[in-house]
């Protein structure tokens, strides 16, 4: 096997691993319904104790209304929320990135 074929093989293997990793990263979790084991498995920088803290906070304070509210849990900061934003689901959909600014109504076309 020559050097070129070996490099191609290594590059293909690296690409396969990268694509497989992104498939795992696509998993989503509803922070209002998931158990601690699921939160621990899916969320980045959230281990068993932080996952238990999320569940305990939810039981005490009710369901989360936004992803940012997750930062009120001891041990969870806004950086952790941002790292996990694409995986966090609230209710039936994704957690909104930021509250949307109200748009001004479109101006009616001028009559001539």
C-alpha atoms as a PDB file:
ATOM      1  CA  UNK A   1       0.000   0.000   0.000  1.00  0.00           C
ATOM      2  CA  UNK A   2       1.520   3.298  -0.991  1.00  0.00           C
ATOM      3  CA  UNK A   3       1.504   6.473   1.113  1.00  0.00           C
ATOM      4  CA  UNK A   4      -1.259   8.102  -0.955  1.00  0.00           C
ATOM      5  CA  UNK A   5      -3.678   5.200  -0.390  1.00  0.00           C
ATOM      6  CA  UNK A   6      -2.874   5.154   3.324  1.00  0.00           C
ATOM      7  CA  UNK A   7      -3.588   8.892   3.621  1.00  0.00           C
ATOM      8  CA  UNK A   8      -6.873   8.440   1.747  1.00  0.00           C
ATOM      9  CA  UNK A   9      -7.859   5.594   4.023  1.00  0.00           C
ATOM     10  CA  UNK A  10      -7.068   7.620   7.154  1.00  0.00           C
ATOM     11  CA  UNK A  11      -8.974  10.623   5.811  1.00  0.00           C
ATOM     12  CA  UNK A  12     -12.015   8.465   5.019  1.00  0.00           C
ATOM     13  CA  UNK A  13     -11.938   6.930   8.499  1.00  0.00           C
ATOM     14  CA  UNK A  14     -11.698  10.364  10.127  1.00  0.00           C
ATOM     15  CA  UNK A  15     -14.616  11.634   8.059  1.00  0.00           C
ATOM     16  CA  UNK A  16     -16.709   8.604   9.011  1.00  0.00           C
ATOM     17  CA  UNK A  17     -16.021   9.189  12.695  1.00  0.00           C
ATOM     18  CA  UNK A  18     -16.861  12.887  12.391  1.00  0.00           C
ATOM     19  CA  UNK A  19     -20.166  12.119  10.693  1.00  0.00           C
ATOM     20  CA  UNK A  20     -21.010   9.467  13.270  1.00  0.00           C
ATOM     21  CA  UNK A  21     -20.274  11.950  16.056  1.00  0.00           C
ATOM     22  CA  UNK A  22     -22.617  14.527  14.579  1.00  0.00           C
ATOM     23  CA  UNK A  23     -25.372  11.916  14.393  1.00  0.00           C
ATOM     24  CA  UNK A  24     -25.104  11.399  18.137  1.00  0.00           C
ATOM     25  CA  UNK A  25     -25.009  15.155  18.737  1.00  0.00           C
ATOM     26  CA  UNK A  26     -28.350  15.534  16.973  1.00  0.00           C
ATOM     27  CA  UNK A  27     -30.224  13.808  19.827  1.00  0.00           C
ATOM     28  CA  UNK A  28     -32.632  16.153  21.588  1.00  0.00           C
ATOM     29  CA  UNK A  29     -33.987  16.099  25.126  1.00  0.00           C
ATOM     30  CA  UNK A  30     -37.099  17.670  26.622  1.00  0.00           C
ATOM     31  CA  UNK A  31     -35.816  19.148  29.884  1.00  0.00           C
ATOM     32  CA  UNK A  32     -39.359  19.150  31.293  1.00  0.00           C
ATOM     33  CA  UNK A  33     -39.952  15.422  30.910  1.00  0.00           C
ATOM     34  CA  UNK A  34     -36.559  13.683  30.731  1.00  0.00           C
ATOM     35  CA  UNK A  35     -35.267  11.656  33.645  1.00  0.00           C
ATOM     36  CA  UNK A  36     -31.818  12.287  35.132  1.00  0.00           C
ATOM     37  CA  UNK A  37     -30.202   9.414  33.216  1.00  0.00           C
ATOM     38  CA  UNK A  38     -31.358  10.859  29.880  1.00  0.00           C
ATOM     39  CA  UNK A  39     -30.253  14.392  30.792  1.00  0.00           C
ATOM     40  CA  UNK A  40     -26.844  13.011  31.817  1.00  0.00           C
ATOM     41  CA  UNK A  41     -26.495  11.074  28.550  1.00  0.00           C
ATOM     42  CA  UNK A  42     -27.604  13.787  26.118  1.00  0.00           C
ATOM     43  CA  UNK A  43     -26.439  17.099  27.565  1.00  0.00           C
ATOM     44  CA  UNK A  44     -22.803  18.218  27.343  1.00  0.00           C
ATOM     45  CA  UNK A  45     -21.082  19.072  30.658  1.00  0.00           C
ATOM     46  CA  UNK A  46     -24.029  17.653  32.617  1.00  0.00           C
ATOM     47  CA  UNK A  47     -23.129  14.623  34.677  1.00  0.00           C
ATOM     48  CA  UNK A  48     -25.287  12.549  37.042  1.00  0.00           C
ATOM     49  CA  UNK A  49     -25.332  15.074  39.900  1.00  0.00           C
ATOM     50  CA  UNK A  50     -26.225  18.050  37.669  1.00  0.00           C
ATOM     51  CA  UNK A  51     -28.878  15.947  35.940  1.00  0.00           C
ATOM     52  CA  UNK A  52     -30.394  15.091  39.338  1.00  0.00           C
ATOM     53  CA  UNK A  53     -30.279  18.801  40.236  1.00  0.00           C
ATOM     54  CA  UNK A  54     -32.219  19.635  37.051  1.00  0.00           C
ATOM     55  CA  UNK A  55     -34.927  17.098  37.913  1.00  0.00           C
ATOM     56  CA  UNK A  56     -35.101  18.333  41.541  1.00  0.00           C
ATOM     57  CA  UNK A  57     -35.351  21.973  40.402  1.00  0.00           C
ATOM     58  CA  UNK A  58     -38.131  21.066  37.971  1.00  0.00           C
ATOM     59  CA  UNK A  59     -40.065  19.240  40.706  1.00  0.00           C
ATOM     60  CA  UNK A  60     -39.742  22.185  43.090  1.00  0.00           C
ATOM     61  CA  UNK A  61     -40.334  25.070  40.658  1.00  0.00           C
ATOM     62  CA  UNK A  62     -42.430  23.522  37.891  1.00  0.00           C
ATOM     63  CA  UNK A  63     -41.606  23.145  34.203  1.00  0.00           C
ATOM     64  CA  UNK A  64     -38.936  25.232  32.519  1.00  0.00           C
ATOM     65  CA  UNK A  65     -40.335  27.991  30.313  1.00  0.00           C
ATOM     66  CA  UNK A  66     -37.075  28.629  28.456  1.00  0.00           C
ATOM     67  CA  UNK A  67     -33.650  27.113  27.976  1.00  0.00           C
ATOM     68  CA  UNK A  68     -32.107  30.071  29.800  1.00  0.00           C
ATOM     69  CA  UNK A  69     -34.079  29.194  32.935  1.00  0.00           C
ATOM     70  CA  UNK A  70     -31.968  26.036  33.150  1.00  0.00           C
ATOM     71  CA  UNK A  71     -29.088  28.307  34.282  1.00  0.00           C
ATOM     72  CA  UNK A  72     -30.955  28.838  37.583  1.00  0.00           C
ATOM     73  CA  UNK A  73     -30.136  25.241  38.546  1.00  0.00           C
ATOM     74  CA  UNK A  74     -27.097  24.982  40.844  1.00  0.00           C
ATOM     75  CA  UNK A  75     -24.074  23.934  38.801  1.00  0.00           C
ATOM     76  CA  UNK A  76     -25.576  24.903  35.437  1.00  0.00           C
ATOM     77  CA  UNK A  77     -24.440  28.155  33.868  1.00  0.00           C
ATOM     78  CA  UNK A  78     -25.341  30.040  30.727  1.00  0.00           C
ATOM     79  CA  UNK A  79     -22.259  28.597  28.970  1.00  0.00           C
ATOM     80  CA  UNK A  80     -23.613  25.094  29.544  1.00  0.00           C
ATOM     81  CA  UNK A  81     -27.014  26.183  28.254  1.00  0.00           C
ATOM     82  CA  UNK A  82     -25.416  27.626  25.103  1.00  0.00           C
ATOM     83  CA  UNK A  83     -23.376  24.457  24.487  1.00  0.00           C
ATOM     84  CA  UNK A  84     -26.585  22.432  24.661  1.00  0.00           C
ATOM     85  CA  UNK A  85     -29.037  24.815  22.968  1.00  0.00           C
ATOM     86  CA  UNK A  86     -29.503  22.643  19.863  1.00  0.00           C
ATOM     87  CA  UNK A  87     -30.317  19.621  22.010  1.00  0.00           C
ATOM     88  CA  UNK A  88     -32.719  21.293  24.463  1.00  0.00           C
ATOM     89  CA  UNK A  89     -36.440  20.968  23.839  1.00  0.00           C
ATOM     90  CA  UNK A  90     -39.135  22.771  25.827  1.00  0.00           C
ATOM     91  CA  UNK A  91     -42.628  21.291  25.514  1.00  0.00           C
ATOM     92  CA  UNK A  92     -43.305  20.338  21.915  1.00  0.00           C
ATOM     93  CA  UNK A  93     -40.516  22.239  20.174  1.00  0.00           C
ATOM     94  CA  UNK A  94     -37.008  23.595  20.411  1.00  0.00           C
ATOM     95  CA  UNK A  95     -36.185  26.136  23.069  1.00  0.00           C
ATOM     96  CA  UNK A  96     -36.174  29.594  21.494  1.00  0.00           C
ATOM     97  CA  UNK A  97     -32.716  31.103  21.103  1.00  0.00           C
ATOM     98  CA  UNK A  98     -33.722  34.545  22.334  1.00  0.00           C
ATOM     99  CA  UNK A  99     -37.087  36.256  22.692  1.00  0.00           C
ATOM    100  CA  UNK A 100     -38.016  37.543  19.250  1.00  0.00           C
ATOM    101  CA  UNK A 101     -38.299  41.301  18.910  1.00  0.00           C
ATOM    102  CA  UNK A 102     -41.745  42.461  17.923  1.00  0.00           C
ATOM    103  CA  UNK A 103     -41.870  43.373  14.262  1.00  0.00           C
ATOM    104  CA  UNK A 104     -43.572  46.542  13.183  1.00  0.00           C
ATOM    105  CA  UNK A 105     -46.562  45.874  10.949  1.00  0.00           C
ATOM    106  CA  UNK A 106     -45.768  46.149   7.267  1.00  0.00           C
ATOM    107  CA  UNK A 107     -46.795  49.449   5.768  1.00  0.00           C
ATOM    108  CA  UNK A 108     -49.804  49.277   3.501  1.00  0.00           C
ATOM    109  CA  UNK A 109     -49.027  50.000  -0.148  1.00  0.00           C
ATOM    110  CA  UNK A 110     -49.664  53.594  -1.100  1.00  0.00           C
ATOM    111  CA  UNK A 111     -52.661  54.268  -3.310  1.00  0.00           C
ATOM    112  CA  UNK A 112     -52.145  56.439  -6.308  1.00  0.00           C
END
